[in-house]
Amino acid sequence: MDNIQRIVQGVLRFIRQLFGDPQTAVGTTIVLLFLFLAFFGNALAPYGANETGDIPVSAAPSTQHPFGTDTLGRDVFSRVMIGTSSIFQKAGLGTLLAVLIGTVIGLYIGYQGGWIDEATSRVIDALLAMPALLLALVILGVIRNLSLEQGSLQFLLARNSVLLVIAVVYVPIVARVVRSSTLEIKTREFVQAARIRGESLGYILFREIFPSVVPTLVVEASLRFSYAIFLVAALGFLGIGANPPTPDWGLMVEEARGGNYNIAPWALNFPAAAIALLVVGVNLMSDGIKNIVQKSE
């Protein structure tokens, strides 16, 4: 019970600190708003994502259609709300997967050192040398070729291709950050004491070193999430992250550009604004988390 109370008190103190700074409070509020839409946007949207019916085509923003309608007569406001779920599923879960895998790799190679650290670090450096979007395109190309074959594994890869791309692209970055922290933490006395006691490798990594890595990891995870949002939107814009008529924000921007922009500019402006607003909110929240972590050290 005492441990649970300490955890609850720590979480409440962290929340108070987040909302104690005006900029951080604004960023956190924006992220929470979009998170709420990710869970309930589909139920709250006044129209279906691809509903047309009697809806006017290319109608300007109005009380009935706050964001207007696109050239197919679909309500842009509803599509932006419903598309929030896709962004959080792909960028959020992809970032979470990258953090989990990258943390394990970073802890292990940082603690073990030697040739294992050297060899893995060179692979990480090679992956980091490639631009994130280029690496994502290469991985998606490989997955797409695999999905042409029949089989449950290939089907699973195709269904979760963007999520897997986000994970693979950001695992090396997270691993390098965690490795850097581990190299310093493993020299501390409490880690040396655990080693002398004969504790297992898993115990030392996750009970002794990992808690000291968490503050840095939280900041890094929030930064990766903001970059993942841009990457998901870019892949959707290129037409390889989502297929029509999915209400993906990047795909909505791609569909509304060109000649369609002159007809219904709001169909591009509002999903683009949603992308920008969410990224700004995540960055403001990330800066606040970074300041909190620095003050606690």
C-alpha atoms as a PDB file:
ATOM      1  CA  MET A   1       0.000   0.000   0.000  1.00  0.00           C
ATOM      2  CA  ASP A   2       2.835   2.385   0.828  1.00  0.00           C
ATOM      3  CA  ASN A   3       4.386   1.831  -2.607  1.00  0.00           C
ATOM      4  CA  ILE A   4       1.040   2.442  -4.312  1.00  0.00           C
ATOM      5  CA  GLN A   5       0.537   5.644  -2.319  1.00  0.00           C
ATOM      6  CA  ARG A   6       4.001   6.876  -3.250  1.00  0.00           C
ATOM      7  CA  ILE A   7       3.328   6.154  -6.925  1.00  0.00           C
ATOM      8  CA  VAL A   8      -0.022   7.964  -6.807  1.00  0.00           C
ATOM      9  CA  GLN A   9       1.534  10.941  -5.017  1.00  0.00           C
ATOM     10  CA  GLY A  10       4.347  11.037  -7.554  1.00  0.00           C
ATOM     11  CA  VAL A  11       1.911  11.001 -10.480  1.00  0.00           C
ATOM     12  CA  LEU A  12      -0.221  13.767  -8.927  1.00  0.00           C
ATOM     13  CA  ARG A  13       2.878  15.875  -8.245  1.00  0.00           C
ATOM     14  CA  PHE A  14       4.026  15.373 -11.837  1.00  0.00           C
ATOM     15  CA  ILE A  15       0.607  16.458 -13.163  1.00  0.00           C
ATOM     16  CA  ARG A  16       0.658  19.579 -10.972  1.00  0.00           C
ATOM     17  CA  GLN A  17       4.102  20.434 -12.304  1.00  0.00           C
ATOM     18  CA  LEU A  18       2.919  19.938 -15.906  1.00  0.00           C
ATOM     19  CA  PHE A  19       0.061  22.385 -15.423  1.00  0.00           C
ATOM     20  CA  GLY A  20       2.140  24.767 -13.302  1.00  0.00           C
ATOM     21  CA  ASP A  21       3.840  26.275 -16.343  1.00  0.00           C
ATOM     22  CA  PRO A  22       1.525  28.098 -18.824  1.00  0.00           C
ATOM     23  CA  GLN A  23       3.194  26.818 -21.989  1.00  0.00           C
ATOM     24  CA  THR A  24       3.382  23.259 -20.717  1.00  0.00           C
ATOM     25  CA  ALA A  25      -0.247  23.475 -19.569  1.00  0.00           C
ATOM     26  CA  VAL A  26      -1.326  24.579 -23.064  1.00  0.00           C
ATOM     27  CA  GLY A  27       0.646  21.783 -24.731  1.00  0.00           C
ATOM     28  CA  THR A  28      -0.642  19.140 -22.318  1.00  0.00           C
ATOM     29  CA  THR A  29      -4.224  20.325 -22.792  1.00  0.00           C
ATOM     30  CA  ILE A  30      -3.879  20.088 -26.578  1.00  0.00           C
ATOM     31  CA  VAL A  31      -2.487  16.551 -26.355  1.00  0.00           C
ATOM     32  CA  LEU A  32      -5.231  15.464 -23.930  1.00  0.00           C
ATOM     33  CA  LEU A  33      -7.882  16.940 -26.224  1.00  0.00           C
ATOM     34  CA  PHE A  34      -6.607  14.987 -29.215  1.00  0.00           C
ATOM     35  CA  LEU A  35      -6.248  11.876 -27.051  1.00  0.00           C
ATOM     36  CA  PHE A  36      -9.905  12.258 -26.067  1.00  0.00           C
ATOM     37  CA  LEU A  37     -10.838  12.504 -29.757  1.00  0.00           C
ATOM     38  CA  ALA A  38      -8.759   9.409 -30.494  1.00  0.00           C
ATOM     39  CA  PHE A  39     -10.954   7.400 -28.115  1.00  0.00           C
ATOM     40  CA  PHE A  40     -14.340   9.032 -28.680  1.00  0.00           C
ATOM     41  CA  GLY A  41     -14.040  10.912 -31.976  1.00  0.00           C
ATOM     42  CA  ASN A  42     -15.784   8.197 -33.958  1.00  0.00           C
ATOM     43  CA  ALA A  43     -18.799   8.304 -31.630  1.00  0.00           C
ATOM     44  CA  LEU A  44     -18.897  12.115 -31.383  1.00  0.00           C
ATOM     45  CA  ALA A  45     -18.454  12.886 -35.085  1.00  0.00           C
ATOM     46  CA  PRO A  46     -21.712  14.290 -36.541  1.00  0.00           C
ATOM     47  CA  TYR A  47     -21.201  12.389 -39.806  1.00  0.00           C
ATOM     48  CA  GLY A  48     -19.478   9.196 -40.883  1.00  0.00           C
ATOM     49  CA  ALA A  49     -15.957   9.372 -42.275  1.00  0.00           C
ATOM     50  CA  ASN A  50     -17.164   8.634 -45.816  1.00  0.00           C
ATOM     51  CA  GLU A  51     -20.783   9.681 -45.513  1.00  0.00           C
ATOM     52  CA  THR A  52     -22.085  11.775 -48.384  1.00  0.00           C
ATOM     53  CA  GLY A  53     -25.832  11.453 -48.937  1.00  0.00           C
ATOM     54  CA  ASP A  54     -27.438  14.901 -49.097  1.00  0.00           C
ATOM     55  CA  ILE A  55     -24.291  16.696 -47.888  1.00  0.00           C
ATOM     56  CA  PRO A  56     -23.346  19.504 -50.311  1.00  0.00           C
ATOM     57  CA  VAL A  57     -20.120  19.150 -52.297  1.00  0.00           C
ATOM     58  CA  SER A  58     -17.233  21.580 -51.583  1.00  0.00           C
ATOM     59  CA  ALA A  59     -19.380  23.552 -49.150  1.00  0.00           C
ATOM     60  CA  ALA A  60     -17.608  26.324 -47.247  1.00  0.00           C
ATOM     61  CA  PRO A  61     -17.348  26.122 -43.425  1.00  0.00           C
ATOM     62  CA  SER A  62     -20.703  26.763 -41.761  1.00  0.00           C
ATOM     63  CA  THR A  63     -22.579  25.985 -38.571  1.00  0.00           C
ATOM     64  CA  GLN A  64     -23.675  22.676 -40.054  1.00  0.00           C
ATOM     65  CA  HIS A  65     -20.199  21.831 -41.362  1.00  0.00           C
ATOM     66  CA  PRO A  66     -17.603  23.707 -39.206  1.00  0.00           C
ATOM     67  CA  PHE A  67     -14.699  22.635 -41.450  1.00  0.00           C
ATOM     68  CA  GLY A  68     -16.710  22.570 -44.672  1.00  0.00           C
ATOM     69  CA  THR A  69     -16.970  19.587 -47.018  1.00  0.00           C
ATOM     70  CA  ASP A  70     -14.524  18.169 -49.554  1.00  0.00           C
ATOM     71  CA  THR A  71     -15.010  17.675 -53.277  1.00  0.00           C
ATOM     72  CA  LEU A  72     -16.829  14.397 -52.631  1.00  0.00           C
ATOM     73  CA  GLY A  73     -19.231  15.962 -50.142  1.00  0.00           C
ATOM     74  CA  ARG A  74     -17.673  14.403 -47.033  1.00  0.00           C
ATOM     75  CA  ASP A  75     -17.710  16.420 -43.807  1.00  0.00           C
ATOM     76  CA  VAL A  76     -14.110  17.514 -43.119  1.00  0.00           C
ATOM     77  CA  PHE A  77     -14.747  18.130 -39.416  1.00  0.00           C
ATOM     78  CA  SER A  78     -15.946  14.549 -38.915  1.00  0.00           C
ATOM     79  CA  ARG A  79     -13.045  13.125 -40.916  1.00  0.00           C
ATOM     80  CA  VAL A  80     -10.494  15.088 -38.864  1.00  0.00           C
ATOM     81  CA  MET A  81     -12.101  13.871 -35.630  1.00  0.00           C
ATOM     82  CA  ILE A  82     -12.207  10.239 -36.743  1.00  0.00           C
ATOM     83  CA  GLY A  83      -8.694  10.423 -38.212  1.00  0.00           C
ATOM     84  CA  THR A  84      -7.262  11.305 -34.788  1.00  0.00           C
ATOM     85  CA  SER A  85      -7.540   7.659 -33.804  1.00  0.00           C
ATOM     86  CA  SER A  86      -5.389   6.595 -36.759  1.00  0.00           C
ATOM     87  CA  ILE A  87      -2.642   9.069 -35.839  1.00  0.00           C
ATOM     88  CA  PHE A  88      -2.477   7.897 -32.241  1.00  0.00           C
ATOM     89  CA  GLN A  89      -2.630   4.226 -33.176  1.00  0.00           C
ATOM     90  CA  LYS A  90       0.189   4.445 -35.692  1.00  0.00           C
ATOM     91  CA  ALA A  91       2.412   7.142 -34.184  1.00  0.00           C
ATOM     92  CA  GLY A  92       1.615   6.369 -30.541  1.00  0.00           C
ATOM     93  CA  LEU A  93       1.829   2.579 -30.633  1.00  0.00           C
ATOM     94  CA  GLY A  94       4.802   2.724 -32.998  1.00  0.00           C
ATOM     95  CA  THR A  95       6.631   5.048 -30.616  1.00  0.00           C
ATOM     96  CA  LEU A  96       5.745   2.840 -27.650  1.00  0.00           C
ATOM     97  CA  LEU A  97       7.087  -0.224 -29.443  1.00  0.00           C
ATOM     98  CA  ALA A  98      10.264   1.649 -30.397  1.00  0.00           C
ATOM     99  CA  VAL A  99      10.778   2.773 -26.789  1.00  0.00           C
ATOM    100  CA  LEU A 100      10.306  -0.745 -25.407  1.00  0.00           C
ATOM    101  CA  ILE A 101      12.676  -2.412 -27.865  1.00  0.00           C
ATOM    102  CA  GLY A 102      15.183   0.442 -27.861  1.00  0.00           C
ATOM    103  CA  THR A 103      15.276   0.470 -24.057  1.00  0.00           C
ATOM    104  CA  VAL A 104      16.086  -3.236 -23.837  1.00  0.00           C
ATOM    105  CA  ILE A 105      18.807  -2.943 -26.483  1.00  0.00           C
ATOM    106  CA  GLY A 106      20.284   0.222 -24.962  1.00  0.00           C
ATOM    107  CA  LEU A 107      20.359  -1.206 -21.434  1.00  0.00           C
ATOM    108  CA  TYR A 108      21.979  -4.439 -22.577  1.00  0.00           C
ATOM    109  CA  ILE A 109      24.711  -3.062 -24.817  1.00  0.00           C
ATOM    110  CA  GLY A 110      25.443  -0.181 -22.442  1.00  0.00           C
ATOM    111  CA  TYR A 111      25.910  -2.504 -19.500  1.00  0.00           C
ATOM    112  CA  GLN A 112      27.733  -5.303 -21.324  1.00  0.00           C
ATOM    113  CA  GLY A 113      30.145  -3.069 -23.236  1.00  0.00           C
ATOM    114  CA  GLY A 114      32.976  -4.718 -25.160  1.00  0.00           C
ATOM    115  CA  TRP A 115      32.534  -6.109 -28.647  1.00  0.00           C
ATOM    116  CA  ILE A 116      28.758  -6.457 -28.218  1.00  0.00           C
ATOM    117  CA  ASP A 117      28.440  -2.730 -27.598  1.00  0.00           C
ATOM    118  CA  GLU A 118      30.865  -1.891 -30.388  1.00  0.00           C
ATOM    119  CA  ALA A 119      29.197  -4.080 -33.031  1.00  0.00           C
ATOM    120  CA  THR A 120      25.645  -3.031 -32.141  1.00  0.00           C
ATOM    121  CA  SER A 121      26.606   0.639 -31.992  1.00  0.00           C
ATOM    122  CA  ARG A 122      28.007   0.463 -35.524  1.00  0.00           C
ATOM    123  CA  VAL A 123      24.721  -1.001 -36.788  1.00  0.00           C
ATOM    124  CA  ILE A 124      22.819   1.755 -34.975  1.00  0.00           C
ATOM    125  CA  ASP A 125      25.076   4.413 -36.496  1.00  0.00           C
ATOM    126  CA  ALA A 126      24.480   2.974 -39.976  1.00  0.00           C
ATOM    127  CA  LEU A 127      20.708   3.127 -39.502  1.00  0.00           C
ATOM    128  CA  LEU A 128      20.874   6.657 -38.107  1.00  0.00           C
ATOM    129  CA  ALA A 129      22.872   7.777 -41.140  1.00  0.00           C
ATOM    130  CA  MET A 130      19.770   7.241 -43.300  1.00  0.00           C
ATOM    131  CA  PRO A 131      17.010   9.901 -43.251  1.00  0.00           C
ATOM    132  CA  ALA A 132      13.957   8.662 -41.373  1.00  0.00           C
ATOM    133  CA  LEU A 133      11.610   9.043 -44.347  1.00  0.00           C
ATOM    134  CA  LEU A 134      13.992   7.241 -46.720  1.00  0.00           C
ATOM    135  CA  LEU A 135      14.447   4.382 -44.248  1.00  0.00           C
ATOM    136  CA  ALA A 136      10.671   4.195 -43.809  1.00  0.00           C
ATOM    137  CA  LEU A 137      10.155   3.962 -47.577  1.00  0.00           C
ATOM    138  CA  VAL A 138      12.715   1.152 -47.857  1.00  0.00           C
ATOM    139  CA  ILE A 139      11.086  -0.819 -45.036  1.00  0.00           C
ATOM    140  CA  LEU A 140       7.603  -0.291 -46.459  1.00  0.00           C
ATOM    141  CA  GLY A 141       8.850  -1.522 -49.835  1.00  0.00           C
ATOM    142  CA  VAL A 142      10.191  -4.703 -48.256  1.00  0.00           C
ATOM    143  CA  ILE A 143       6.952  -5.268 -46.320  1.00  0.00           C
ATOM    144  CA  ARG A 144       4.859  -4.660 -49.431  1.00  0.00           C
ATOM    145  CA  ASN A 145       6.827  -7.285 -51.354  1.00  0.00           C
ATOM    146  CA  LEU A 146       6.337  -9.748 -48.500  1.00  0.00           C
ATOM    147  CA  SER A 147       2.612  -9.042 -48.386  1.00  0.00           C
ATOM    148  CA  LEU A 148       2.283 -10.160 -52.009  1.00  0.00           C
ATOM    149  CA  GLU A 149       2.898 -13.690 -50.782  1.00  0.00           C
ATOM    150  CA  GLN A 150       0.115 -15.660 -49.173  1.00  0.00           C
ATOM    151  CA  GLY A 151       0.277 -16.315 -45.451  1.00  0.00           C
ATOM    152  CA  SER A 152      -0.918 -15.024 -42.104  1.00  0.00           C
ATOM    153  CA  LEU A 153       2.469 -13.469 -41.251  1.00  0.00           C
ATOM    154  CA  GLN A 154       2.570 -11.497 -44.476  1.00  0.00           C
ATOM    155  CA  PHE A 155      -1.007 -10.327 -43.921  1.00  0.00           C
ATOM    156  CA  LEU A 156      -0.157  -9.240 -40.372  1.00  0.00           C
ATOM    157  CA  LEU A 157       2.870  -7.308 -41.592  1.00  0.00           C
ATOM    158  CA  ALA A 158       0.827  -5.557 -44.268  1.00  0.00           C
ATOM    159  CA  ARG A 159      -1.912  -4.547 -41.802  1.00  0.00           C
ATOM    160  CA  ASN A 160       0.586  -3.081 -39.333  1.00  0.00           C
ATOM    161  CA  SER A 161       3.236  -1.875 -41.773  1.00  0.00           C
ATOM    162  CA  VAL A 162       3.282   1.804 -40.695  1.00  0.00           C
ATOM    163  CA  LEU A 163       3.370   0.876 -37.010  1.00  0.00           C
ATOM    164  CA  LEU A 164       6.323  -1.441 -37.636  1.00  0.00           C
ATOM    165  CA  VAL A 165       8.065   1.239 -39.706  1.00  0.00           C
ATOM    166  CA  ILE A 166       7.784   3.771 -36.871  1.00  0.00           C
ATOM    167  CA  ALA A 167       9.222   1.226 -34.460  1.00  0.00           C
ATOM    168  CA  VAL A 168      12.161   0.237 -36.678  1.00  0.00           C
ATOM    169  CA  VAL A 169      13.017   3.846 -37.572  1.00  0.00           C
ATOM    170  CA  TYR A 170      13.136   5.059 -33.959  1.00  0.00           C
ATOM    171  CA  VAL A 171      14.528   2.006 -32.145  1.00  0.00           C
ATOM    172  CA  PRO A 172      18.153   2.998 -32.971  1.00  0.00           C
ATOM    173  CA  ILE A 173      17.653   6.537 -31.618  1.00  0.00           C
ATOM    174  CA  VAL A 174      16.067   5.344 -28.376  1.00  0.00           C
ATOM    175  CA  ALA A 175      18.712   2.628 -27.976  1.00  0.00           C
ATOM    176  CA  ARG A 176      21.530   5.154 -28.350  1.00  0.00           C
ATOM    177  CA  VAL A 177      20.002   7.515 -25.767  1.00  0.00           C
ATOM    178  CA  VAL A 178      19.440   4.690 -23.262  1.00  0.00           C
ATOM    179  CA  ARG A 179      22.936   3.300 -23.895  1.00  0.00           C
ATOM    180  CA  SER A 180      24.467   6.700 -23.164  1.00  0.00           C
ATOM    181  CA  SER A 181      22.659   6.926 -19.821  1.00  0.00           C
ATOM    182  CA  THR A 182      23.491   3.322 -18.953  1.00  0.00           C
ATOM    183  CA  LEU A 183      27.225   3.847 -19.506  1.00  0.00           C
ATOM    184  CA  GLU A 184      27.193   6.475 -16.748  1.00  0.00           C
ATOM    185  CA  ILE A 185      24.747   4.779 -14.374  1.00  0.00           C
ATOM    186  CA  LYS A 186      26.487   1.375 -14.376  1.00  0.00           C
ATOM    187  CA  THR A 187      29.534   2.901 -12.673  1.00  0.00           C
ATOM    188  CA  ARG A 188      27.524   4.013  -9.632  1.00  0.00           C
ATOM    189  CA  GLU A 189      27.926   2.309  -6.285  1.00  0.00           C
ATOM    190  CA  PHE A 190      24.464   0.752  -6.067  1.00  0.00           C
ATOM    191  CA  VAL A 191      25.008  -1.048  -9.391  1.00  0.00           C
ATOM    192  CA  GLN A 192      28.423  -2.265  -8.267  1.00  0.00           C
ATOM    193  CA  ALA A 193      26.887  -3.485  -5.009  1.00  0.00           C
ATOM    194  CA  ALA A 194      24.225  -5.458  -6.904  1.00  0.00           C
ATOM    195  CA  ARG A 195      26.927  -7.038  -9.028  1.00  0.00           C
ATOM    196  CA  ILE A 196      28.941  -8.020  -5.949  1.00  0.00           C
ATOM    197  CA  ARG A 197      25.811  -9.579  -4.396  1.00  0.00           C
ATOM    198  CA  GLY A 198      25.617 -11.801  -7.445  1.00  0.00           C
ATOM    199  CA  GLU A 199      22.332 -10.448  -8.769  1.00  0.00           C
ATOM    200  CA  SER A 200      21.212 -11.626 -12.206  1.00  0.00           C
ATOM    201  CA  LEU A 201      21.663  -9.561 -15.357  1.00  0.00           C
ATOM    202  CA  GLY A 202      17.937  -8.926 -15.627  1.00  0.00           C
ATOM    203  CA  TYR A 203      17.749  -7.719 -12.027  1.00  0.00           C
ATOM    204  CA  ILE A 204      20.631  -5.293 -12.495  1.00  0.00           C
ATOM    205  CA  LEU A 205      19.286  -3.926 -15.777  1.00  0.00           C
ATOM    206  CA  PHE A 206      15.631  -3.479 -14.819  1.00  0.00           C
ATOM    207  CA  ARG A 207      15.714  -3.051 -11.028  1.00  0.00           C
ATOM    208  CA  GLU A 208      18.912  -1.070 -10.580  1.00  0.00           C
ATOM    209  CA  ILE A 209      19.683   0.799 -13.832  1.00  0.00           C
ATOM    210  CA  PHE A 210      16.290   1.211 -15.508  1.00  0.00           C
ATOM    211  CA  PRO A 211      14.675   3.446 -12.810  1.00  0.00           C
ATOM    212  CA  SER A 212      17.498   5.947 -13.257  1.00  0.00           C
ATOM    213  CA  VAL A 213      16.979   5.910 -17.031  1.00  0.00           C
ATOM    214  CA  VAL A 214      13.219   6.558 -16.882  1.00  0.00           C
ATOM    215  CA  PRO A 215      13.368  10.406 -16.664  1.00  0.00           C
ATOM    216  CA  THR A 216      15.539  10.645 -19.776  1.00  0.00           C
ATOM    217  CA  LEU A 217      13.429   7.994 -21.481  1.00  0.00           C
ATOM    218  CA  VAL A 218      10.178   9.884 -20.880  1.00  0.00           C
ATOM    219  CA  VAL A 219      11.590  13.008 -22.525  1.00  0.00           C
ATOM    220  CA  GLU A 220      12.928  11.003 -25.454  1.00  0.00           C
ATOM    221  CA  ALA A 221       9.612   9.174 -25.908  1.00  0.00           C
ATOM    222  CA  SER A 222       7.678  12.437 -26.126  1.00  0.00           C
ATOM    223  CA  LEU A 223      10.122  13.767 -28.722  1.00  0.00           C
ATOM    224  CA  ARG A 224       9.916  10.567 -30.781  1.00  0.00           C
ATOM    225  CA  PHE A 225       6.118  10.783 -30.686  1.00  0.00           C
ATOM    226  CA  SER A 226       6.137  14.271 -32.214  1.00  0.00           C
ATOM    227  CA  TYR A 227       8.466  13.116 -35.005  1.00  0.00           C
ATOM    228  CA  ALA A 228       6.350   9.993 -35.518  1.00  0.00           C
ATOM    229  CA  ILE A 229       3.269  12.161 -36.119  1.00  0.00           C
ATOM    230  CA  PHE A 230       5.090  13.949 -38.943  1.00  0.00           C
ATOM    231  CA  LEU A 231       6.333  10.653 -40.371  1.00  0.00           C
ATOM    232  CA  VAL A 232       2.859   9.079 -40.358  1.00  0.00           C
ATOM    233  CA  ALA A 233       1.421  12.199 -42.011  1.00  0.00           C
ATOM    234  CA  ALA A 234       4.215  12.207 -44.618  1.00  0.00           C
ATOM    235  CA  LEU A 235       3.617   8.556 -45.483  1.00  0.00           C
ATOM    236  CA  GLY A 236      -0.105   9.219 -45.784  1.00  0.00           C
ATOM    237  CA  PHE A 237       0.589  12.223 -48.020  1.00  0.00           C
ATOM    238  CA  LEU A 238       2.743  10.032 -50.272  1.00  0.00           C
ATOM    239  CA  GLY A 239      -0.145   7.576 -50.511  1.00  0.00           C
ATOM    240  CA  ILE A 240       1.672   4.611 -48.966  1.00  0.00           C
ATOM    241  CA  GLY A 241       0.726   4.973 -45.308  1.00  0.00           C
ATOM    242  CA  ALA A 242      -3.030   4.691 -45.821  1.00  0.00           C
ATOM    243  CA  ASN A 243      -5.429   3.789 -48.575  1.00  0.00           C
ATOM    244  CA  PRO A 244      -8.451   5.858 -49.670  1.00  0.00           C
ATOM    245  CA  PRO A 245     -11.044   6.489 -48.349  1.00  0.00           C
ATOM    246  CA  THR A 246      -9.346   6.244 -44.939  1.00  0.00           C
ATOM    247  CA  PRO A 247      -9.635   9.564 -43.007  1.00  0.00           C
ATOM    248  CA  ASP A 248      -5.871   9.753 -42.535  1.00  0.00           C
ATOM    249  CA  TRP A 249      -4.726  13.355 -42.053  1.00  0.00           C
ATOM    250  CA  GLY A 250      -1.793  13.070 -44.439  1.00  0.00           C
ATOM    251  CA  LEU A 251      -3.944  11.369 -47.057  1.00  0.00           C
ATOM    252  CA  MET A 252      -6.593  14.088 -46.653  1.00  0.00           C
ATOM    253  CA  VAL A 253      -3.959  16.745 -47.379  1.00  0.00           C
ATOM    254  CA  GLU A 254      -2.805  14.852 -50.470  1.00  0.00           C
ATOM    255  CA  GLU A 255      -6.349  14.442 -51.782  1.00  0.00           C
ATOM    256  CA  ALA A 256      -7.143  18.144 -51.302  1.00  0.00           C
ATOM    257  CA  ARG A 257      -4.022  19.577 -52.913  1.00  0.00           C
ATOM    258  CA  GLY A 258      -3.586  20.624 -56.541  1.00  0.00           C
ATOM    259  CA  GLY A 259      -6.693  21.600 -58.455  1.00  0.00           C
ATOM    260  CA  ASN A 260      -8.968  20.578 -55.583  1.00  0.00           C
ATOM    261  CA  TYR A 261      -7.380  23.224 -53.342  1.00  0.00           C
ATOM    262  CA  ASN A 262      -8.846  26.012 -55.459  1.00  0.00           C
ATOM    263  CA  ILE A 263     -12.283  24.463 -55.100  1.00  0.00           C
ATOM    264  CA  ALA A 264     -12.215  23.554 -51.402  1.00  0.00           C
ATOM    265  CA  PRO A 265      -9.076  24.919 -49.661  1.00  0.00           C
ATOM    266  CA  TRP A 266     -10.535  24.118 -46.226  1.00  0.00           C
ATOM    267  CA  ALA A 267     -10.309  20.403 -47.043  1.00  0.00           C
ATOM    268  CA  LEU A 268      -6.503  20.799 -46.944  1.00  0.00           C
ATOM    269  CA  ASN A 269      -6.121  23.567 -44.378  1.00  0.00           C
ATOM    270  CA  PHE A 270      -7.943  21.913 -41.493  1.00  0.00           C
ATOM    271  CA  PRO A 271      -6.222  18.487 -41.508  1.00  0.00           C
ATOM    272  CA  ALA A 272      -2.873  20.261 -42.003  1.00  0.00           C
ATOM    273  CA  ALA A 273      -3.705  22.526 -39.050  1.00  0.00           C
ATOM    274  CA  ALA A 274      -4.603  19.463 -36.966  1.00  0.00           C
ATOM    275  CA  ILE A 275      -1.193  17.927 -37.694  1.00  0.00           C
ATOM    276  CA  ALA A 276       0.608  21.164 -36.813  1.00  0.00           C
ATOM    277  CA  LEU A 277      -1.444  21.746 -33.654  1.00  0.00           C
ATOM    278  CA  LEU A 278      -0.854  18.234 -32.310  1.00  0.00           C
ATOM    279  CA  VAL A 279       2.894  18.442 -33.005  1.00  0.00           C
ATOM    280  CA  VAL A 280       3.118  21.852 -31.305  1.00  0.00           C
ATOM    281  CA  GLY A 281       1.197  20.496 -28.316  1.00  0.00           C
ATOM    282  CA  VAL A 282       3.467  17.458 -27.993  1.00  0.00           C
ATOM    283  CA  ASN A 283       6.593  19.639 -28.275  1.00  0.00           C
ATOM    284  CA  LEU A 284       5.361  22.078 -25.616  1.00  0.00           C
ATOM    285  CA  MET A 285       4.534  19.177 -23.322  1.00  0.00           C
ATOM    286  CA  SER A 286       7.915  17.583 -24.057  1.00  0.00           C
ATOM    287  CA  ASP A 287       9.752  20.808 -23.143  1.00  0.00           C
ATOM    288  CA  GLY A 288       7.814  20.925 -19.874  1.00  0.00           C
ATOM    289  CA  ILE A 289       8.676  17.312 -19.073  1.00  0.00           C
ATOM    290  CA  LYS A 290      12.330  18.041 -19.833  1.00  0.00           C
ATOM    291  CA  ASN A 291      12.327  21.007 -17.420  1.00  0.00           C
ATOM    292  CA  ILE A 292      10.671  18.922 -14.705  1.00  0.00           C
ATOM    293  CA  VAL A 293      13.256  16.173 -15.132  1.00  0.00           C
ATOM    294  CA  GLN A 294      16.144  18.646 -14.999  1.00  0.00           C
ATOM    295  CA  LYS A 295      14.798  20.222 -11.812  1.00  0.00           C
ATOM    296  CA  SER A 296      14.410  16.835 -10.134  1.00  0.00           C
ATOM    297  CA  GLU A 297      18.021  15.832 -10.811  1.00  0.00           C
END
